[in-house]
Amino acid sequence: MKVSQIIKELNLIVFSGNGGLEKEVSGGYVSDLLSDVMGNASENEIWITLQTHKNVMAVASLKDLAAVILVKGLRPDKDTLDESNNEDLPILGTSLTAFEISGKLYNLINK
């Protein structure tokens, strides 16, 4: 499943990184600890977090993640948006909690 399909199905907001919307997604990872994501997230997963600073992009790029979803209506910092566009790594948003969007993403990917 592609990031663009997930956006449509889960009614997500696209903040940046439009060049990466056709990336394939293999799963998801939920954490707000950067070190946890660096140690445990896998390539092509979508990272669900409430972190909005530019270090999110450094970790997402390092792990070759498909996209980042910000929860609870949070918006990325300007320098995070800039880095997302440079990397073609989408930052998406939702008003849902991490628990809610995780369940929806899991069900969508595992249909």
Protein backbone atom coordinates (compact mmCIF):
# COMPACT_ATOMS: atom_id res chain seq x y z
CA MET A 1 0.00 0.00 0.00
CA LYS A 2 1.29 3.48 -0.85
CA VAL A 3 1.43 6.53 1.40
CA SER A 4 -1.07 8.29 -0.90
CA GLN A 5 -3.62 5.50 -0.41
CA ILE A 6 -3.21 5.66 3.37
CA ILE A 7 -3.73 9.43 3.30
CA LYS A 8 -7.00 8.99 1.42
CA GLU A 9 -8.29 6.08 3.52
CA LEU A 10 -7.42 7.66 6.89
CA ASN A 11 -8.29 11.24 5.92
CA LEU A 12 -4.82 12.54 6.81
CA ILE A 13 -3.47 16.06 6.26
CA VAL A 14 -0.34 16.38 4.11
CA PHE A 15 1.98 19.02 5.57
CA SER A 16 5.03 18.42 3.37
CA GLY A 17 7.17 15.93 1.50
CA ASN A 18 4.80 15.52 -1.45
CA GLY A 19 7.58 13.92 -3.48
CA GLY A 20 7.35 10.81 -1.30
CA LEU A 21 3.63 10.15 -1.50
CA GLU A 22 4.05 7.12 -3.74
CA LYS A 23 6.38 5.27 -1.37
CA GLU A 24 5.31 1.78 -0.38
CA VAL A 25 4.38 1.22 3.27
CA SER A 26 5.20 -2.04 5.02
CA GLY A 27 3.88 -1.25 8.51
CA GLY A 28 3.92 1.29 11.29
CA TYR A 29 5.85 2.21 14.41
CA VAL A 30 4.60 4.25 17.36
CA SER A 31 7.00 6.04 19.69
CA ASP A 32 7.91 9.49 20.93
CA LEU A 33 11.48 8.51 21.82
CA LEU A 34 13.91 9.16 18.98
CA SER A 35 16.36 6.56 20.29
CA ASP A 36 13.60 3.94 20.35
CA VAL A 37 12.69 4.65 16.73
CA MET A 38 16.36 4.56 15.70
CA GLY A 39 16.78 1.18 17.36
CA ASN A 40 13.53 -0.50 16.40
CA ALA A 41 11.66 1.04 13.45
CA SER A 42 12.06 -0.63 10.07
CA GLU A 43 12.45 0.66 6.55
CA ASN A 44 9.21 1.71 4.82
CA GLU A 45 7.21 1.97 8.03
CA ILE A 46 5.10 4.98 8.98
CA TRP A 47 6.18 6.55 12.25
CA ILE A 48 3.39 7.84 14.48
CA THR A 49 4.53 10.48 17.00
CA LEU A 50 3.77 13.76 18.74
CA GLN A 51 7.32 15.07 18.18
CA THR A 52 7.38 18.05 15.79
CA HIS A 53 11.02 19.21 15.76
CA LYS A 54 13.54 18.69 12.95
CA ASN A 55 15.29 15.77 14.66
CA VAL A 56 12.24 13.74 13.66
CA MET A 57 13.31 14.13 10.04
CA ALA A 58 16.88 13.10 10.80
CA VAL A 59 15.67 9.85 12.37
CA ALA A 60 13.02 9.21 9.70
CA SER A 61 15.58 9.70 6.96
CA LEU A 62 18.20 7.56 8.71
CA LYS A 63 15.71 4.69 9.02
CA ASP A 64 14.33 5.23 5.48
CA LEU A 65 10.78 5.49 6.79
CA ALA A 66 7.88 5.98 4.39
CA ALA A 67 6.25 8.88 6.29
CA VAL A 68 5.62 10.46 9.67
CA ILE A 69 2.15 11.01 11.16
CA LEU A 70 1.77 13.73 13.78
CA VAL A 71 -1.12 13.12 16.18
CA LYS A 72 -3.56 15.23 18.22
CA GLY A 73 -3.68 18.08 15.70
CA LEU A 74 0.01 18.93 16.14
CA ARG A 75 1.83 20.78 13.38
CA PRO A 76 5.50 20.41 12.40
CA ASP A 77 8.03 23.17 13.05
CA LYS A 78 9.11 25.22 10.02
CA ASP A 79 12.58 23.69 9.86
CA THR A 80 10.97 20.23 10.05
CA LEU A 81 8.80 21.10 7.04
CA ASP A 82 11.84 22.32 5.12
CA GLU A 83 13.77 19.12 5.82
CA SER A 84 10.75 16.99 4.91
CA ASN A 85 10.53 18.68 1.51
CA ASN A 86 14.29 18.32 0.97
CA GLU A 87 14.11 14.59 1.74
CA ASP A 88 10.78 13.93 -0.05
CA LEU A 89 9.67 12.29 3.19
CA PRO A 90 6.01 13.10 3.92
CA ILE A 91 4.85 14.56 7.20
CA LEU A 92 1.17 13.87 7.70
CA GLY A 93 -1.26 14.91 10.39
CA THR A 94 -4.40 13.83 12.19
CA SER A 95 -6.50 15.08 15.10
CA LEU A 96 -6.71 11.51 16.41
CA THR A 97 -4.58 10.20 19.27
CA ALA A 98 -1.66 7.85 18.64
CA PHE A 99 -3.78 4.97 19.94
CA GLU A 100 -6.66 5.73 17.55
CA ILE A 101 -4.60 6.27 14.39
CA SER A 102 -2.42 3.25 15.16
CA GLY A 103 -5.45 0.98 15.23
CA LYS A 104 -6.79 2.41 12.00
CA LEU A 105 -3.42 2.11 10.26
CA TYR A 106 -2.95 -1.45 11.48
CA ASN A 107 -6.40 -2.49 10.24
CA LEU A 108 -5.87 -0.80 6.87
CA ILE A 109 -2.47 -2.38 6.21
CA ASN A 110 -3.59 -5.83 7.37
CA LYS A 111 -6.85 -6.07 5.35
